[in-house]
Amino acid sequence: MARKTRKSKPTRFSAVAEGAMRSGLLRTLRPVFMVSRVWEEAVGPDLARRARPARVFRGILTVKVSDPAWMFQLQQMREILLERLRSFLKDEVQIEDLRITLDRRGRSGIERKPIRKRDRSGFVDRETAERMLESSELSDREDLKEALRRLMTDE
């Protein structure tokens, strides 16, 4: 099998970096990079596993979280988090506010709770439940029979 020959020379990294600087890409990525560097230390390891800085735009830090419970938790801690981030960042990045969003796509690499499938192993079908209830001594207590029927059949 013949080797393919390269038609163009490799691009130097300095040329790529220069192009990124001219396009403004690095200027927009720098603030979130600076926040990411201090994130775990500023917010703690538990929170850092479940939330990550995603964007800094006009002084607003967007944070992606793994689930609604952590989203609520961060909203309650907003002022404390802002204070801690400002103390770690000093004058490197100006953070005025937090925007906390749910990471619906799962691309963030943050820890997500696994979705548990409902375990139906402890339930019986309706016919079996009826036979069990008829053989019990609850013939005069329809309210209890109905409650037990619901518990046994998951209805």
C-alpha atoms as a PDB file:
ATOM      1  CA  MET A   1       0.000   0.000   0.000  1.00  0.00           C
ATOM      2  CA  ALA A   2       1.481   3.322  -1.010  1.00  0.00           C
ATOM      3  CA  ARG A   3       1.891   6.109   1.527  1.00  0.00           C
ATOM      4  CA  LYS A   4      -0.092   9.238   0.975  1.00  0.00           C
ATOM      5  CA  THR A   5       1.994  12.337   0.612  1.00  0.00           C
ATOM      6  CA  ARG A   6       1.089  15.524   2.381  1.00  0.00           C
ATOM      7  CA  LYS A   7       0.074  18.261  -0.047  1.00  0.00           C
ATOM      8  CA  SER A   8       0.659  21.149   2.335  1.00  0.00           C
ATOM      9  CA  LYS A   9       3.190  21.856   5.020  1.00  0.00           C
ATOM     10  CA  PRO A  10       2.145  21.562   8.672  1.00  0.00           C
ATOM     11  CA  THR A  11       0.918  24.813  10.177  1.00  0.00           C
ATOM     12  CA  ARG A  12       3.096  26.280  12.882  1.00  0.00           C
ATOM     13  CA  PHE A  13       1.477  26.631  16.296  1.00  0.00           C
ATOM     14  CA  SER A  14       2.482  30.288  16.469  1.00  0.00           C
ATOM     15  CA  ALA A  15       0.466  30.939  13.298  1.00  0.00           C
ATOM     16  CA  VAL A  16      -2.576  29.192  14.774  1.00  0.00           C
ATOM     17  CA  ALA A  17      -2.242  31.137  18.043  1.00  0.00           C
ATOM     18  CA  GLU A  18      -1.839  34.405  16.160  1.00  0.00           C
ATOM     19  CA  GLY A  19      -4.977  33.682  14.156  1.00  0.00           C
ATOM     20  CA  ALA A  20      -6.897  32.897  17.343  1.00  0.00           C
ATOM     21  CA  MET A  21      -5.718  36.181  18.888  1.00  0.00           C
ATOM     22  CA  ARG A  22      -6.820  38.171  15.849  1.00  0.00           C
ATOM     23  CA  SER A  23     -10.235  36.501  15.818  1.00  0.00           C
ATOM     24  CA  GLY A  24     -10.787  37.314  19.493  1.00  0.00           C
ATOM     25  CA  LEU A  25     -11.249  33.648  20.414  1.00  0.00           C
ATOM     26  CA  LEU A  26      -8.595  33.665  23.132  1.00  0.00           C
ATOM     27  CA  ARG A  27      -9.917  36.932  24.517  1.00  0.00           C
ATOM     28  CA  THR A  28     -13.325  35.321  25.082  1.00  0.00           C
ATOM     29  CA  LEU A  29     -11.908  32.050  26.454  1.00  0.00           C
ATOM     30  CA  ARG A  30      -9.429  33.626  28.873  1.00  0.00           C
ATOM     31  CA  PRO A  31     -11.952  34.595  31.602  1.00  0.00           C
ATOM     32  CA  VAL A  32     -13.558  31.144  31.786  1.00  0.00           C
ATOM     33  CA  PHE A  33     -10.089  29.569  31.750  1.00  0.00           C
ATOM     34  CA  MET A  34      -9.037  31.750  34.692  1.00  0.00           C
ATOM     35  CA  VAL A  35     -12.215  30.797  36.608  1.00  0.00           C
ATOM     36  CA  SER A  36     -11.696  27.108  35.791  1.00  0.00           C
ATOM     37  CA  ARG A  37      -8.191  27.228  37.268  1.00  0.00           C
ATOM     38  CA  VAL A  38      -9.486  28.243  40.715  1.00  0.00           C
ATOM     39  CA  TRP A  39     -12.941  26.627  40.548  1.00  0.00           C
ATOM     40  CA  GLU A  40     -12.376  23.513  42.679  1.00  0.00           C
ATOM     41  CA  GLU A  41     -10.420  25.376  45.320  1.00  0.00           C
ATOM     42  CA  ALA A  42     -12.997  28.177  45.482  1.00  0.00           C
ATOM     43  CA  VAL A  43     -16.158  26.048  45.624  1.00  0.00           C
ATOM     44  CA  GLY A  44     -14.879  22.794  47.114  1.00  0.00           C
ATOM     45  CA  PRO A  45     -14.466  19.320  45.591  1.00  0.00           C
ATOM     46  CA  ASP A  46     -18.085  18.140  46.041  1.00  0.00           C
ATOM     47  CA  LEU A  47     -19.561  21.118  44.270  1.00  0.00           C
ATOM     48  CA  ALA A  48     -16.827  21.104  41.617  1.00  0.00           C
ATOM     49  CA  ARG A  49     -17.802  17.532  40.672  1.00  0.00           C
ATOM     50  CA  ARG A  50     -21.400  18.593  40.068  1.00  0.00           C
ATOM     51  CA  ALA A  51     -20.988  22.048  38.561  1.00  0.00           C
ATOM     52  CA  ARG A  52     -18.541  23.722  36.199  1.00  0.00           C
ATOM     53  CA  PRO A  53     -17.923  27.208  34.858  1.00  0.00           C
ATOM     54  CA  ALA A  54     -19.077  27.374  31.247  1.00  0.00           C
ATOM     55  CA  ARG A  55     -18.812  31.001  30.144  1.00  0.00           C
ATOM     56  CA  VAL A  56     -17.996  34.505  31.310  1.00  0.00           C
ATOM     57  CA  PHE A  57     -19.741  37.251  29.350  1.00  0.00           C
ATOM     58  CA  ARG A  58     -20.054  40.873  30.419  1.00  0.00           C
ATOM     59  CA  GLY A  59     -19.189  39.982  34.001  1.00  0.00           C
ATOM     60  CA  ILE A  60     -21.744  37.185  34.296  1.00  0.00           C
ATOM     61  CA  LEU A  61     -20.369  33.723  35.003  1.00  0.00           C
ATOM     62  CA  THR A  62     -22.554  30.939  33.603  1.00  0.00           C
ATOM     63  CA  VAL A  63     -22.292  27.749  35.634  1.00  0.00           C
ATOM     64  CA  LYS A  64     -23.626  24.402  34.370  1.00  0.00           C
ATOM     65  CA  VAL A  65     -24.942  21.993  37.012  1.00  0.00           C
ATOM     66  CA  SER A  66     -25.688  18.284  36.873  1.00  0.00           C
ATOM     67  CA  ASP A  67     -29.224  18.224  38.289  1.00  0.00           C
ATOM     68  CA  PRO A  68     -32.007  20.482  39.622  1.00  0.00           C
ATOM     69  CA  ALA A  69     -31.156  19.856  43.275  1.00  0.00           C
ATOM     70  CA  TRP A  70     -27.647  21.208  42.781  1.00  0.00           C
ATOM     71  CA  MET A  71     -29.035  24.084  40.732  1.00  0.00           C
ATOM     72  CA  PHE A  72     -31.207  25.081  43.699  1.00  0.00           C
ATOM     73  CA  GLN A  73     -28.260  24.660  46.076  1.00  0.00           C
ATOM     74  CA  LEU A  74     -26.064  26.976  44.001  1.00  0.00           C
ATOM     75  CA  GLN A  75     -28.811  29.584  43.765  1.00  0.00           C
ATOM     76  CA  GLN A  76     -29.032  29.600  47.555  1.00  0.00           C
ATOM     77  CA  MET A  77     -25.231  29.967  47.785  1.00  0.00           C
ATOM     78  CA  ARG A  78     -24.967  32.647  45.068  1.00  0.00           C
ATOM     79  CA  GLU A  79     -23.539  35.442  47.242  1.00  0.00           C
ATOM     80  CA  ILE A  80     -21.087  33.160  49.044  1.00  0.00           C
ATOM     81  CA  LEU A  81     -19.834  31.724  45.741  1.00  0.00           C
ATOM     82  CA  LEU A  82     -19.415  35.185  44.225  1.00  0.00           C
ATOM     83  CA  GLU A  83     -17.462  36.337  47.258  1.00  0.00           C
ATOM     84  CA  ARG A  84     -15.176  33.288  47.201  1.00  0.00           C
ATOM     85  CA  LEU A  85     -14.565  33.473  43.450  1.00  0.00           C
ATOM     86  CA  ARG A  86     -13.742  37.184  43.648  1.00  0.00           C
ATOM     87  CA  SER A  87     -11.270  36.532  46.465  1.00  0.00           C
ATOM     88  CA  PHE A  88      -9.519  33.800  44.445  1.00  0.00           C
ATOM     89  CA  LEU A  89      -9.544  35.709  41.144  1.00  0.00           C
ATOM     90  CA  LYS A  90      -8.612  39.104  42.600  1.00  0.00           C
ATOM     91  CA  ASP A  91      -8.383  41.457  39.588  1.00  0.00           C
ATOM     92  CA  GLU A  92      -7.791  38.797  36.926  1.00  0.00           C
ATOM     93  CA  VAL A  93     -11.485  38.449  35.992  1.00  0.00           C
ATOM     94  CA  GLN A  94     -14.393  40.657  37.026  1.00  0.00           C
ATOM     95  CA  ILE A  95     -17.396  38.532  38.085  1.00  0.00           C
ATOM     96  CA  GLU A  96     -20.510  40.574  38.810  1.00  0.00           C
ATOM     97  CA  ASP A  97     -23.136  37.832  38.927  1.00  0.00           C
ATOM     98  CA  LEU A  98     -23.801  34.115  38.450  1.00  0.00           C
ATOM     99  CA  ARG A  99     -26.149  32.523  35.953  1.00  0.00           C
ATOM    100  CA  ILE A 100     -26.847  28.929  36.940  1.00  0.00           C
ATOM    101  CA  THR A 101     -28.192  26.582  34.287  1.00  0.00           C
ATOM    102  CA  LEU A 102     -28.992  22.900  34.098  1.00  0.00           C
ATOM    103  CA  ASP A 103     -26.693  20.875  31.862  1.00  0.00           C
ATOM    104  CA  ARG A 104     -29.264  18.991  29.798  1.00  0.00           C
ATOM    105  CA  ARG A 105     -26.875  17.637  27.193  1.00  0.00           C
ATOM    106  CA  GLY A 106     -24.467  15.929  29.581  1.00  0.00           C
ATOM    107  CA  ARG A 107     -21.434  17.243  27.704  1.00  0.00           C
ATOM    108  CA  SER A 108     -19.893  18.975  30.673  1.00  0.00           C
ATOM    109  CA  GLY A 109     -18.113  16.042  32.237  1.00  0.00           C
ATOM    110  CA  ILE A 110     -19.816  16.788  35.521  1.00  0.00           C
ATOM    111  CA  GLU A 111     -21.092  13.991  37.680  1.00  0.00           C
ATOM    112  CA  ARG A 112     -24.719  13.157  36.984  1.00  0.00           C
ATOM    113  CA  LYS A 113     -27.057  11.021  39.024  1.00  0.00           C
ATOM    114  CA  PRO A 114     -27.903   7.795  37.213  1.00  0.00           C
ATOM    115  CA  ILE A 115     -31.547   7.425  36.330  1.00  0.00           C
ATOM    116  CA  ARG A 116     -32.925   4.490  38.252  1.00  0.00           C
ATOM    117  CA  LYS A 117     -35.440   2.264  36.596  1.00  0.00           C
ATOM    118  CA  ARG A 118     -38.412   1.428  38.723  1.00  0.00           C
ATOM    119  CA  ASP A 119     -37.999  -1.905  40.442  1.00  0.00           C
ATOM    120  CA  ARG A 120     -41.211  -3.847  39.959  1.00  0.00           C
ATOM    121  CA  SER A 121     -39.977  -7.112  41.491  1.00  0.00           C
ATOM    122  CA  GLY A 122     -42.039  -6.715  44.688  1.00  0.00           C
ATOM    123  CA  PHE A 123     -45.379  -6.337  42.891  1.00  0.00           C
ATOM    124  CA  VAL A 124     -47.883  -8.947  41.769  1.00  0.00           C
ATOM    125  CA  ASP A 125     -50.402  -8.919  38.955  1.00  0.00           C
ATOM    126  CA  ARG A 126     -53.994  -7.812  39.649  1.00  0.00           C
ATOM    127  CA  GLU A 127     -55.432 -11.357  39.561  1.00  0.00           C
ATOM    128  CA  THR A 128     -52.966 -12.658  42.148  1.00  0.00           C
ATOM    129  CA  ALA A 129     -53.643  -9.650  44.352  1.00  0.00           C
ATOM    130  CA  GLU A 130     -57.410 -10.315  44.199  1.00  0.00           C
ATOM    131  CA  ARG A 131     -56.931 -13.976  45.197  1.00  0.00           C
ATOM    132  CA  MET A 132     -54.710 -12.975  48.109  1.00  0.00           C
ATOM    133  CA  LEU A 133     -57.227 -10.408  49.323  1.00  0.00           C
ATOM    134  CA  GLU A 134     -60.173 -12.813  49.039  1.00  0.00           C
ATOM    135  CA  SER A 135     -58.379 -15.401  51.139  1.00  0.00           C
ATOM    136  CA  SER A 136     -57.612 -12.824  53.849  1.00  0.00           C
ATOM    137  CA  GLU A 137     -59.857 -11.934  56.767  1.00  0.00           C
ATOM    138  CA  LEU A 138     -60.537  -8.436  55.408  1.00  0.00           C
ATOM    139  CA  SER A 139     -63.841  -9.253  53.686  1.00  0.00           C
ATOM    140  CA  ASP A 140     -65.696  -6.478  55.530  1.00  0.00           C
ATOM    141  CA  ARG A 141     -62.994  -3.770  55.156  1.00  0.00           C
ATOM    142  CA  GLU A 142     -63.150  -2.564  51.540  1.00  0.00           C
ATOM    143  CA  ASP A 143     -61.013   0.498  52.299  1.00  0.00           C
ATOM    144  CA  LEU A 144     -58.132  -1.661  53.560  1.00  0.00           C
ATOM    145  CA  LYS A 145     -58.515  -4.105  50.698  1.00  0.00           C
ATOM    146  CA  GLU A 146     -58.289  -1.270  48.183  1.00  0.00           C
ATOM    147  CA  ALA A 147     -55.193   0.166  49.856  1.00  0.00           C
ATOM    148  CA  LEU A 148     -53.506  -3.255  49.892  1.00  0.00           C
ATOM    149  CA  ARG A 149     -54.516  -3.865  46.282  1.00  0.00           C
ATOM    150  CA  ARG A 150     -52.779  -0.635  45.254  1.00  0.00           C
ATOM    151  CA  LEU A 151     -49.670  -1.470  47.218  1.00  0.00           C
ATOM    152  CA  MET A 152     -49.393  -4.996  45.817  1.00  0.00           C
ATOM    153  CA  THR A 153     -50.023  -4.088  42.183  1.00  0.00           C
ATOM    154  CA  ASP A 154     -48.288  -0.672  42.009  1.00  0.00           C
ATOM    155  CA  GLU A 155     -51.430   1.038  40.664  1.00  0.00           C
END
